[in-house]
Every structure is written in C-alpha cells, then in structure tokens.
Amino acid sequence: IELTGGSSLPWYADSMEVKSVTTRKLRRRPNDPLPMPEKRRKTSPTQLNFLLDEGEILDDLKMLNKGKAPSISKRMDYEEYGNVDHGTHAIEARIEDGKLFYERKCYQRGQSVCVDSKDMGRFFGVISGIGTAEFWVKKASDSGKVKIHLSQLLKGKVILRRK
C-alpha cells in the first residue's frame, strides 16, 4: 500500500536528495558537419585618432571658447587647384537631413550636377545617394558611380556645380 499519494520516493527517502541528471551524448550523423567553435571578434578601438594641423586645432578652440559650435567649414587656398588667384576663400560643405549644402546651395538626391576634379576631370552626373560624410554621383557618360567625401569638397579637391 502506497501512502505517499503517488510519489515514487520511498517513505524513508530524504526529499532533499536530488538525483544528478546524466545527459546522453548522441552519436553524430555521418553527413553532419563538425561543430564550429565561436569566432572571437576583434574589439573595436574606443578612441579615434585624427591628425589635425595646429591651425585647425586653434581654430576649433577659438570657436569653442566663443560658445559657438564649430561648423564644417575650412579655409583653403584655391591657387593649388588653379581656379582663383586671390588668396583664401572659406568653403562651406555639410550634410543635414539627407541634403548636401555646398557653397550656400542645397543639393538633393536625383539632382543633376557637374563635378570638376583634378584627378577625375570634369563630368556631368546625377546625385544618386547622400550619406553622413559622403555622397555618390552617377556619371551621365558611362553610368559609373563615383563616391565623393565631404572632406574632398572642403579641401577643394572636388568642385560641385549645378548643371
């Protein structure tokens, strides 16, 4: 007669004793691949190092001391590109809300432009995409895409005009 109410433990067994559960390893099927160990990813650096001129650092410090947020503008000498002969000119280029602002003009995706560069020459195209620090122009001549960084505009290496 069982008085424990359906329990499989005998009445004298301690209820605190727990049997260790043994796990059985199943045989590997012949076509199953071997289990791969997890790959460790390189930890990304938490600090970025940018190399700036002392002049750029001083300009940024002056702007911060004035209480203004520094805008993405830079002074450059057009003489190295060969367009203008009179000193320096402040170039403004920034990307906000998917729009490119360059030399007080707004450029959007799908807009026809003329790109003038020392390296690539002059070509016409359409802005096909705008990222956070770069934009892409699809050439009209061969439908190839050219990636142009904001820094190239700021340094005067690339000049952008409306078509």
N, C-alpha and C. Protein backbone atom coordinates (compact mmCIF):
# COMPACT_ATOMS: atom_id res chain seq x y z
N ILE A 1 0.86 -1.18 0.00
CA ILE A 1 0.00 0.00 0.00
C ILE A 1 0.90 1.24 0.00
N GLU A 2 0.54 2.15 -0.87
CA GLU A 2 1.32 3.37 -1.01
C GLU A 2 0.61 4.49 -0.28
N LEU A 3 1.29 5.12 0.68
CA LEU A 3 0.68 6.16 1.49
C LEU A 3 1.15 7.56 1.11
N THR A 4 2.06 7.65 0.21
CA THR A 4 2.62 8.97 -0.12
C THR A 4 1.80 9.71 -1.16
N GLY A 5 0.78 9.16 -1.68
CA GLY A 5 -0.06 9.87 -2.63
C GLY A 5 0.50 9.86 -4.02
N GLY A 6 1.09 8.77 -4.46
CA GLY A 6 1.57 8.67 -5.82
C GLY A 6 3.02 9.04 -5.98
N SER A 7 3.71 9.36 -4.91
CA SER A 7 5.12 9.71 -5.01
C SER A 7 5.94 8.45 -5.22
N SER A 8 6.97 8.56 -6.00
CA SER A 8 7.78 7.38 -6.30
C SER A 8 8.89 7.19 -5.27
N LEU A 9 9.09 8.16 -4.38
CA LEU A 9 10.13 8.02 -3.36
C LEU A 9 9.61 7.16 -2.21
N PRO A 10 10.47 6.33 -1.69
CA PRO A 10 10.02 5.57 -0.51
C PRO A 10 9.85 6.52 0.68
N TRP A 11 9.09 6.11 1.68
CA TRP A 11 8.76 6.98 2.80
C TRP A 11 9.98 7.36 3.62
N TYR A 12 11.01 6.57 3.55
CA TYR A 12 12.20 6.84 4.35
C TYR A 12 13.23 7.68 3.59
N ALA A 13 13.01 7.95 2.28
CA ALA A 13 13.98 8.70 1.49
C ALA A 13 13.87 10.19 1.80
N ASP A 14 14.99 10.85 1.83
CA ASP A 14 15.02 12.29 2.09
C ASP A 14 14.56 13.03 0.84
N SER A 15 13.60 13.93 0.97
CA SER A 15 13.08 14.65 -0.19
C SER A 15 14.09 15.67 -0.71
N MET A 16 15.11 16.00 0.06
CA MET A 16 16.11 16.96 -0.36
C MET A 16 17.17 16.34 -1.26
N GLU A 17 17.25 15.04 -1.28
CA GLU A 17 18.21 14.38 -2.15
C GLU A 17 17.73 14.50 -3.59
N VAL A 18 18.61 14.98 -4.43
CA VAL A 18 18.25 15.14 -5.83
C VAL A 18 19.18 14.27 -6.64
N LYS A 19 18.61 13.48 -7.50
CA LYS A 19 19.43 12.64 -8.34
C LYS A 19 20.07 13.50 -9.42
N SER A 20 21.35 13.27 -9.67
CA SER A 20 22.00 14.02 -10.73
C SER A 20 21.51 13.49 -12.07
N VAL A 21 21.17 14.40 -12.93
CA VAL A 21 20.65 14.03 -14.23
C VAL A 21 21.83 13.84 -15.16
N THR A 22 21.92 12.71 -15.75
CA THR A 22 23.02 12.47 -16.68
C THR A 22 22.52 12.75 -18.08
N THR A 23 23.33 13.48 -18.82
CA THR A 23 22.96 13.77 -20.20
C THR A 23 23.64 12.77 -21.10
N ARG A 24 22.94 12.35 -22.08
CA ARG A 24 23.49 11.38 -23.02
C ARG A 24 23.95 12.10 -24.26
N LYS A 25 25.14 11.76 -24.70
CA LYS A 25 25.64 12.33 -25.95
C LYS A 25 25.18 11.46 -27.09
N LEU A 26 24.53 12.07 -28.05
CA LEU A 26 24.05 11.33 -29.20
C LEU A 26 25.17 11.18 -30.21
N ARG A 27 25.10 10.12 -30.95
CA ARG A 27 26.09 9.92 -32.00
C ARG A 27 25.88 10.93 -33.10
N ARG A 28 27.00 11.38 -33.66
CA ARG A 28 26.92 12.34 -34.75
C ARG A 28 26.56 11.60 -36.02
N ARG A 29 25.67 12.18 -36.78
CA ARG A 29 25.30 11.57 -38.05
C ARG A 29 26.46 11.72 -39.02
N PRO A 30 26.61 10.81 -39.95
CA PRO A 30 27.78 10.86 -40.82
C PRO A 30 27.84 12.09 -41.72
N ASN A 31 26.73 12.69 -42.10
CA ASN A 31 26.74 13.84 -43.00
C ASN A 31 26.72 15.18 -42.27
N ASP A 32 26.58 15.17 -40.96
CA ASP A 32 26.56 16.42 -40.20
C ASP A 32 27.95 17.02 -40.14
N PRO A 33 28.06 18.35 -40.29
CA PRO A 33 29.38 18.98 -40.17
C PRO A 33 29.83 19.00 -38.71
N LEU A 34 31.12 19.11 -38.52
CA LEU A 34 31.64 19.20 -37.16
C LEU A 34 31.22 20.53 -36.54
N PRO A 35 30.91 20.53 -35.25
CA PRO A 35 30.53 21.81 -34.63
C PRO A 35 31.71 22.76 -34.61
N MET A 36 31.45 24.01 -35.02
CA MET A 36 32.50 25.02 -35.10
C MET A 36 32.56 25.79 -33.78
N PRO A 37 33.75 26.07 -33.29
CA PRO A 37 33.85 26.93 -32.10
C PRO A 37 33.48 28.36 -32.48
N GLU A 38 33.03 29.12 -31.49
CA GLU A 38 32.63 30.51 -31.75
C GLU A 38 33.86 31.34 -32.11
N LYS A 39 33.70 32.18 -33.13
CA LYS A 39 34.79 33.05 -33.55
C LYS A 39 34.76 34.30 -32.68
N ARG A 40 35.93 34.69 -32.27
CA ARG A 40 36.02 35.91 -31.47
C ARG A 40 36.24 37.09 -32.40
N ARG A 41 35.52 38.15 -32.15
CA ARG A 41 35.67 39.35 -32.96
C ARG A 41 36.67 40.28 -32.30
N LYS A 42 37.37 41.00 -33.15
CA LYS A 42 38.30 41.99 -32.63
C LYS A 42 37.50 43.09 -31.94
N THR A 43 37.99 43.53 -30.84
CA THR A 43 37.33 44.65 -30.18
C THR A 43 37.68 45.93 -30.92
N SER A 44 36.67 46.72 -31.17
CA SER A 44 36.92 47.97 -31.89
C SER A 44 37.53 48.99 -30.93
N PRO A 45 38.40 49.82 -31.44
CA PRO A 45 39.02 50.80 -30.54
C PRO A 45 37.98 51.80 -30.06
N THR A 46 38.10 52.17 -28.80
CA THR A 46 37.15 53.12 -28.23
C THR A 46 37.59 54.56 -28.46
N GLN A 47 38.79 54.72 -28.96
CA GLN A 47 39.30 56.07 -29.18
C GLN A 47 39.73 56.21 -30.63
N LEU A 48 39.30 57.29 -31.26
CA LEU A 48 39.69 57.57 -32.63
C LEU A 48 40.76 58.66 -32.62
N ASN A 49 41.77 58.47 -33.42
CA ASN A 49 42.84 59.46 -33.50
C ASN A 49 42.80 60.13 -34.87
N PHE A 50 42.65 61.44 -34.88
CA PHE A 50 42.66 62.21 -36.11
C PHE A 50 43.90 63.09 -36.09
N LEU A 51 44.52 63.20 -37.23
CA LEU A 51 45.69 64.06 -37.33
C LEU A 51 45.25 65.41 -37.89
N LEU A 52 45.38 66.43 -37.10
CA LEU A 52 44.99 67.78 -37.50
C LEU A 52 46.20 68.71 -37.42
N ASP A 53 46.17 69.76 -38.23
CA ASP A 53 47.21 70.79 -38.14
C ASP A 53 46.98 71.58 -36.86
N GLU A 54 48.02 72.27 -36.44
CA GLU A 54 47.87 73.12 -35.27
C GLU A 54 46.90 74.26 -35.55
N GLY A 55 46.89 74.74 -36.80
CA GLY A 55 45.97 75.82 -37.16
C GLY A 55 44.52 75.39 -37.04
N GLU A 56 44.21 74.17 -37.48
CA GLU A 56 42.84 73.67 -37.37
C GLU A 56 42.44 73.50 -35.91
N ILE A 57 43.37 73.02 -35.09
CA ILE A 57 43.08 72.84 -33.67
C ILE A 57 42.83 74.19 -33.01
N LEU A 58 43.67 75.19 -33.34
CA LEU A 58 43.48 76.52 -32.76
C LEU A 58 42.16 77.14 -33.20
N ASP A 59 41.79 76.95 -34.48
CA ASP A 59 40.51 77.47 -34.96
C ASP A 59 39.35 76.85 -34.20
N ASP A 60 39.42 75.53 -33.99
CA ASP A 60 38.36 74.84 -33.25
C ASP A 60 38.30 75.33 -31.81
N LEU A 61 39.45 75.52 -31.18
CA LEU A 61 39.46 76.00 -29.81
C LEU A 61 38.89 77.41 -29.71
N LYS A 62 39.21 78.27 -30.68
CA LYS A 62 38.66 79.63 -30.68
C LYS A 62 37.14 79.59 -30.78
N MET A 63 36.63 78.72 -31.67
CA MET A 63 35.17 78.61 -31.84
C MET A 63 34.52 78.11 -30.56
N LEU A 64 35.15 77.11 -29.92
CA LEU A 64 34.59 76.57 -28.69
C LEU A 64 34.61 77.61 -27.57
N ASN A 65 35.67 78.40 -27.51
CA ASN A 65 35.76 79.43 -26.49
C ASN A 65 34.73 80.53 -26.70
N LYS A 66 34.34 80.79 -27.93
CA LYS A 66 33.32 81.80 -28.22
C LYS A 66 31.93 81.29 -27.86
N GLY A 67 31.80 79.99 -27.62
CA GLY A 67 30.49 79.43 -27.27
C GLY A 67 29.69 78.99 -28.47
N LYS A 68 30.32 78.95 -29.62
CA LYS A 68 29.63 78.53 -30.84
C LYS A 68 30.06 77.11 -31.17
N ALA A 69 29.15 76.36 -31.73
CA ALA A 69 29.50 75.02 -32.21
C ALA A 69 30.27 75.18 -33.51
N PRO A 70 31.37 74.48 -33.66
CA PRO A 70 32.14 74.62 -34.90
C PRO A 70 31.38 74.04 -36.09
N SER A 71 31.28 74.82 -37.15
CA SER A 71 30.63 74.33 -38.36
C SER A 71 31.66 73.64 -39.22
N ILE A 72 31.20 72.86 -40.16
CA ILE A 72 32.13 72.16 -41.04
C ILE A 72 32.51 73.11 -42.16
N SER A 73 33.43 73.96 -41.86
CA SER A 73 33.95 74.86 -42.88
C SER A 73 35.45 74.93 -42.71
N LYS A 74 36.11 75.21 -43.77
CA LYS A 74 37.56 75.20 -43.74
C LYS A 74 38.08 76.25 -44.72
N ARG A 75 39.19 76.81 -44.37
CA ARG A 75 39.81 77.77 -45.27
C ARG A 75 40.77 77.01 -46.16
N MET A 76 40.77 77.30 -47.44
CA MET A 76 41.71 76.64 -48.35
C MET A 76 42.19 77.62 -49.38
N ASP A 77 43.27 77.30 -49.99
CA ASP A 77 43.88 78.14 -50.99
C ASP A 77 43.53 77.59 -52.36
N TYR A 78 42.80 78.35 -53.16
CA TYR A 78 42.38 77.89 -54.48
C TYR A 78 43.53 77.85 -55.48
N GLU A 79 44.64 78.49 -55.13
CA GLU A 79 45.75 78.52 -56.08
C GLU A 79 46.29 77.13 -56.37
N GLU A 80 46.20 76.22 -55.38
CA GLU A 80 46.71 74.87 -55.63
C GLU A 80 45.86 74.17 -56.68
N TYR A 81 44.57 74.54 -56.78
CA TYR A 81 43.71 73.94 -57.79
C TYR A 81 43.79 74.71 -59.10
N GLY A 82 44.11 75.99 -59.01
CA GLY A 82 44.34 76.77 -60.22
C GLY A 82 43.12 77.53 -60.71
N ASN A 83 42.13 77.75 -59.86
CA ASN A 83 40.92 78.45 -60.32
C ASN A 83 40.95 79.93 -59.99
N VAL A 84 41.38 80.27 -58.79
CA VAL A 84 41.29 81.65 -58.33
C VAL A 84 42.68 82.09 -57.90
N ASP A 85 43.02 83.33 -58.18
CA ASP A 85 44.35 83.80 -57.87
C ASP A 85 44.39 84.67 -56.62
N HIS A 86 43.25 85.00 -56.02
CA HIS A 86 43.28 85.95 -54.92
C HIS A 86 43.08 85.28 -53.55
N GLY A 87 44.18 84.83 -52.95
CA GLY A 87 44.20 84.40 -51.55
C GLY A 87 43.31 83.23 -51.19
N THR A 88 42.76 83.33 -49.97
CA THR A 88 41.99 82.22 -49.42
C THR A 88 40.50 82.52 -49.48
N HIS A 89 39.74 81.43 -49.42
CA HIS A 89 38.29 81.51 -49.51
C HIS A 89 37.70 80.45 -48.59
N ALA A 90 36.71 80.79 -47.78
CA ALA A 90 36.10 79.82 -46.87
C ALA A 90 35.12 78.94 -47.64
N ILE A 91 35.33 77.65 -47.57
CA ILE A 91 34.43 76.70 -48.24
C ILE A 91 33.53 76.10 -47.18
N GLU A 92 32.23 76.14 -47.44
CA GLU A 92 31.28 75.54 -46.52
C GLU A 92 30.67 74.33 -47.20
N ALA A 93 30.71 73.19 -46.53
CA ALA A 93 30.09 71.97 -47.03
C ALA A 93 29.63 71.16 -45.85
N ARG A 94 28.35 70.76 -45.86
CA ARG A 94 27.82 69.93 -44.78
C ARG A 94 26.66 69.10 -45.31
N ILE A 95 26.33 68.06 -44.60
CA ILE A 95 25.20 67.20 -44.96
C ILE A 95 24.25 67.19 -43.77
N GLU A 96 23.00 67.57 -44.02
CA GLU A 96 21.97 67.58 -42.98
C GLU A 96 20.68 67.04 -43.57
N ASP A 97 20.05 66.13 -42.87
CA ASP A 97 18.74 65.58 -43.27
C ASP A 97 18.74 65.06 -44.69
N GLY A 98 19.80 64.40 -45.10
CA GLY A 98 19.86 63.82 -46.43
C GLY A 98 20.05 64.84 -47.54
N LYS A 99 20.44 66.06 -47.19
CA LYS A 99 20.69 67.11 -48.19
C LYS A 99 22.13 67.58 -48.06
N LEU A 100 22.74 67.88 -49.19
CA LEU A 100 24.11 68.38 -49.22
C LEU A 100 24.05 69.89 -49.38
N PHE A 101 24.66 70.61 -48.44
CA PHE A 101 24.76 72.06 -48.53
C PHE A 101 26.20 72.39 -48.87
N TYR A 102 26.40 73.02 -50.04
CA TYR A 102 27.75 73.34 -50.51
C TYR A 102 27.72 74.71 -51.15
N GLU A 103 28.57 75.60 -50.64
CA GLU A 103 28.68 76.96 -51.16
C GLU A 103 27.31 77.66 -51.22
N ARG A 104 26.58 77.60 -50.14
CA ARG A 104 25.26 78.24 -49.98
C ARG A 104 24.20 77.72 -50.94
N LYS A 105 24.41 76.53 -51.49
CA LYS A 105 23.41 75.90 -52.36
C LYS A 105 23.06 74.54 -51.78
N CYS A 106 21.80 74.15 -51.99
CA CYS A 106 21.31 72.87 -51.48
C CYS A 106 21.22 71.87 -52.63
N TYR A 107 21.82 70.71 -52.44
CA TYR A 107 21.78 69.64 -53.44
C TYR A 107 21.06 68.45 -52.83
N GLN A 108 20.18 67.81 -53.65
CA GLN A 108 19.42 66.66 -53.18
C GLN A 108 19.64 65.47 -54.09
N ARG A 109 19.17 64.33 -53.63
CA ARG A 109 19.26 63.10 -54.41
C ARG A 109 18.43 63.27 -55.69
N GLY A 110 18.98 62.85 -56.82
CA GLY A 110 18.29 62.95 -58.10
C GLY A 110 18.57 64.23 -58.85
N GLN A 111 19.38 65.11 -58.27
CA GLN A 111 19.67 66.40 -58.90
C GLN A 111 20.87 66.27 -59.85
N SER A 112 20.76 66.92 -61.01
CA SER A 112 21.85 66.91 -61.99
C SER A 112 22.94 67.89 -61.56
N VAL A 113 24.20 67.43 -61.63
CA VAL A 113 25.32 68.25 -61.19
C VAL A 113 26.49 68.11 -62.16
N CYS A 114 27.41 69.04 -62.05
CA CYS A 114 28.68 68.98 -62.77
C CYS A 114 29.78 68.86 -61.72
N VAL A 115 30.61 67.84 -61.85
CA VAL A 115 31.70 67.61 -60.90
C VAL A 115 33.01 67.95 -61.60
N ASP A 116 33.81 68.78 -60.96
CA ASP A 116 35.09 69.18 -61.52
C ASP A 116 36.18 68.79 -60.52
N SER A 117 37.13 68.00 -60.99
CA SER A 117 38.17 67.50 -60.11
C SER A 117 39.49 67.41 -60.86
N LYS A 118 40.58 67.59 -60.11
CA LYS A 118 41.90 67.45 -60.70
C LYS A 118 42.14 66.00 -61.13
N ASP A 119 41.77 65.06 -60.28
CA ASP A 119 42.02 63.64 -60.53
C ASP A 119 41.09 63.06 -61.59
N MET A 120 39.78 63.35 -61.47
CA MET A 120 38.79 62.73 -62.35
C MET A 120 38.42 63.58 -63.55
N GLY A 121 38.83 64.82 -63.58
CA GLY A 121 38.44 65.71 -64.66
C GLY A 121 37.05 66.26 -64.42
N ARG A 122 36.43 66.75 -65.49
CA ARG A 122 35.08 67.31 -65.39
C ARG A 122 34.10 66.31 -65.98
N PHE A 123 32.99 66.06 -65.26
CA PHE A 123 31.95 65.19 -65.79
C PHE A 123 30.60 65.61 -65.23
N PHE A 124 29.56 65.25 -65.96
CA PHE A 124 28.19 65.53 -65.55
C PHE A 124 27.59 64.25 -64.99
N GLY A 125 26.67 64.43 -64.05
CA GLY A 125 26.03 63.26 -63.46
C GLY A 125 24.84 63.65 -62.60
N VAL A 126 24.31 62.65 -61.91
CA VAL A 126 23.15 62.83 -61.05
C VAL A 126 23.51 62.32 -59.66
N ILE A 127 23.15 63.06 -58.62
CA ILE A 127 23.41 62.61 -57.26
C ILE A 127 22.52 61.40 -56.99
N SER A 128 23.15 60.25 -56.73
CA SER A 128 22.36 59.02 -56.55
C SER A 128 22.15 58.67 -55.09
N GLY A 129 22.93 59.22 -54.20
CA GLY A 129 22.75 58.95 -52.78
C GLY A 129 23.57 59.90 -51.94
N ILE A 130 23.07 60.18 -50.72
CA ILE A 130 23.76 61.08 -49.81
C ILE A 130 23.86 60.38 -48.46
N GLY A 131 25.10 60.19 -48.00
CA GLY A 131 25.34 59.56 -46.70
C GLY A 131 25.56 60.62 -45.63
N THR A 132 26.27 60.25 -44.57
CA THR A 132 26.53 61.20 -43.49
C THR A 132 27.79 62.03 -43.74
N ALA A 133 28.76 61.46 -44.46
CA ALA A 133 30.00 62.20 -44.72
C ALA A 133 30.45 62.05 -46.16
N GLU A 134 29.58 61.52 -47.01
CA GLU A 134 29.92 61.35 -48.42
C GLU A 134 28.65 61.31 -49.25
N PHE A 135 28.82 61.44 -50.56
CA PHE A 135 27.68 61.30 -51.47
C PHE A 135 28.16 60.64 -52.74
N TRP A 136 27.22 60.08 -53.51
CA TRP A 136 27.55 59.36 -54.72
C TRP A 136 26.95 60.08 -55.92
N VAL A 137 27.73 60.16 -57.00
CA VAL A 137 27.27 60.78 -58.24
C VAL A 137 27.35 59.72 -59.32
N LYS A 138 26.22 59.51 -60.02
CA LYS A 138 26.19 58.56 -61.13
C LYS A 138 26.52 59.33 -62.40
N LYS A 139 27.62 58.92 -63.05
CA LYS A 139 28.07 59.62 -64.24
C LYS A 139 27.07 59.47 -65.37
N ALA A 140 26.88 60.55 -66.14
CA ALA A 140 25.97 60.50 -67.28
C ALA A 140 26.61 59.77 -68.45
N SER A 141 27.93 59.82 -68.55
CA SER A 141 28.62 59.24 -69.71
C SER A 141 28.64 57.72 -69.69
N ASP A 142 29.01 57.12 -68.56
CA ASP A 142 29.14 55.66 -68.54
C ASP A 142 28.34 54.99 -67.42
N SER A 143 27.49 55.72 -66.73
CA SER A 143 26.64 55.22 -65.64
C SER A 143 27.44 54.65 -64.47
N GLY A 144 28.71 54.98 -64.37
CA GLY A 144 29.51 54.55 -63.22
C GLY A 144 29.26 55.47 -62.04
N LYS A 145 29.37 54.92 -60.84
CA LYS A 145 29.15 55.73 -59.64
C LYS A 145 30.48 56.18 -59.06
N VAL A 146 30.51 57.42 -58.62
CA VAL A 146 31.71 58.00 -58.01
C VAL A 146 31.34 58.43 -56.60
N LYS A 147 32.15 57.99 -55.63
CA LYS A 147 31.94 58.37 -54.23
C LYS A 147 32.79 59.60 -53.93
N ILE A 148 32.15 60.64 -53.44
CA ILE A 148 32.85 61.89 -53.12
C ILE A 148 32.66 62.17 -51.64
N HIS A 149 33.77 62.33 -50.93
CA HIS A 149 33.72 62.61 -49.50
C HIS A 149 33.58 64.11 -49.27
N LEU A 150 32.96 64.45 -48.16
CA LEU A 150 32.79 65.84 -47.77
C LEU A 150 34.16 66.52 -47.62
N SER A 151 35.14 65.78 -47.15
CA SER A 151 36.48 66.35 -46.98
C SER A 151 37.09 66.77 -48.32
N GLN A 152 36.74 66.07 -49.40
CA GLN A 152 37.25 66.45 -50.72
C GLN A 152 36.69 67.80 -51.14
N LEU A 153 35.42 68.05 -50.81
CA LEU A 153 34.82 69.36 -51.11
C LEU A 153 35.48 70.45 -50.25
N LEU A 154 35.68 70.14 -48.96
CA LEU A 154 36.25 71.12 -48.05
C LEU A 154 37.68 71.49 -48.43
N LYS A 155 38.44 70.52 -48.91
CA LYS A 155 39.83 70.78 -49.29
C LYS A 155 39.95 71.38 -50.67
N GLY A 156 38.85 71.43 -51.43
CA GLY A 156 38.89 72.00 -52.77
C GLY A 156 39.37 71.03 -53.82
N LYS A 157 39.50 69.76 -53.48
CA LYS A 157 39.93 68.76 -54.46
C LYS A 157 38.83 68.48 -55.47
N VAL A 158 37.58 68.64 -55.05
CA VAL A 158 36.42 68.44 -55.92
C VAL A 158 35.55 69.68 -55.82
N ILE A 159 35.08 70.15 -56.98
CA ILE A 159 34.18 71.30 -57.02
C ILE A 159 32.87 70.83 -57.63
N LEU A 160 31.77 71.20 -56.99
CA LEU A 160 30.45 70.77 -57.41
C LEU A 160 29.66 71.98 -57.90
N ARG A 161 29.00 71.84 -59.05
CA ARG A 161 28.16 72.91 -59.61
C ARG A 161 26.85 72.33 -60.07
N ARG A 162 25.84 73.21 -60.11
CA ARG A 162 24.56 72.79 -60.70
C ARG A 162 24.72 72.70 -62.20
N LYS A 163 24.03 71.77 -62.81
CA LYS A 163 24.12 71.58 -64.26
C LYS A 163 23.31 72.62 -65.00
